[in-house]
Amino acid sequence: MHGNHFSNPWSTMDPNTRKTAMRMFPYGLYVLTSHSENDRGAFLANWLTQVSFEPALIAVAVEQDAHSLQVIRAAQRFVVNVLETGQRELAGWFGRHSVKVGDKLVNRELQSTPSGQIVLPDALAWIECEMRSESPAGDHVLLTAEVVDAGVIRDGTPLQLKETGFKYAG
């Protein structure tokens, strides 16, 4: 491309245009759960992706001040619970900050992986992951973890961020 218009697009980038463009990325919605010896946590995640076939690795961005980040660090494991289309209310509950609502897993039916990590029986599937690394990523921390176990609860269509009307990206 020629001309100054495309030579440095970031210098004149409109923040609203950036948000609009970045919100076009298709994101799934997942509840990450973790259980350490002394604590447990759960939160709604959407910045999650597979990053390797062998070994099977995923990466997920977690807010630096999230209670669940400390639980994951202590447990060195977490479970990705894949939500189903139509589970907007469930996603919204786990999207609330634990400082405001406390333990988001109280009074909820729970199951466990063979290693004892928390599974939501309302999910379509679960994927248990063991931590491999973490690195700073702006106001988040990027966790990379190896898939060590998985289960399919039932067939269905995964929930996507766009369906809920939630706005997190951008």
Foldseek 3Di string as FASTA:
>chain_A
DDDPCPPCVVVPDDPVVVLVVFVPDKWFWWWKWAAAPPDIAIAIFTQKDFDDVVQTKMKTWAFPPAPRVVRCVRRQKMKTFFAAAPVLVVNVLRHDGCVVVPHSCPPADWDADPVGITYHLNGQKMWMWGWDDWDDDPRIIMTMTGTDDMGGNHDHHTHIPVSNVDRDTD
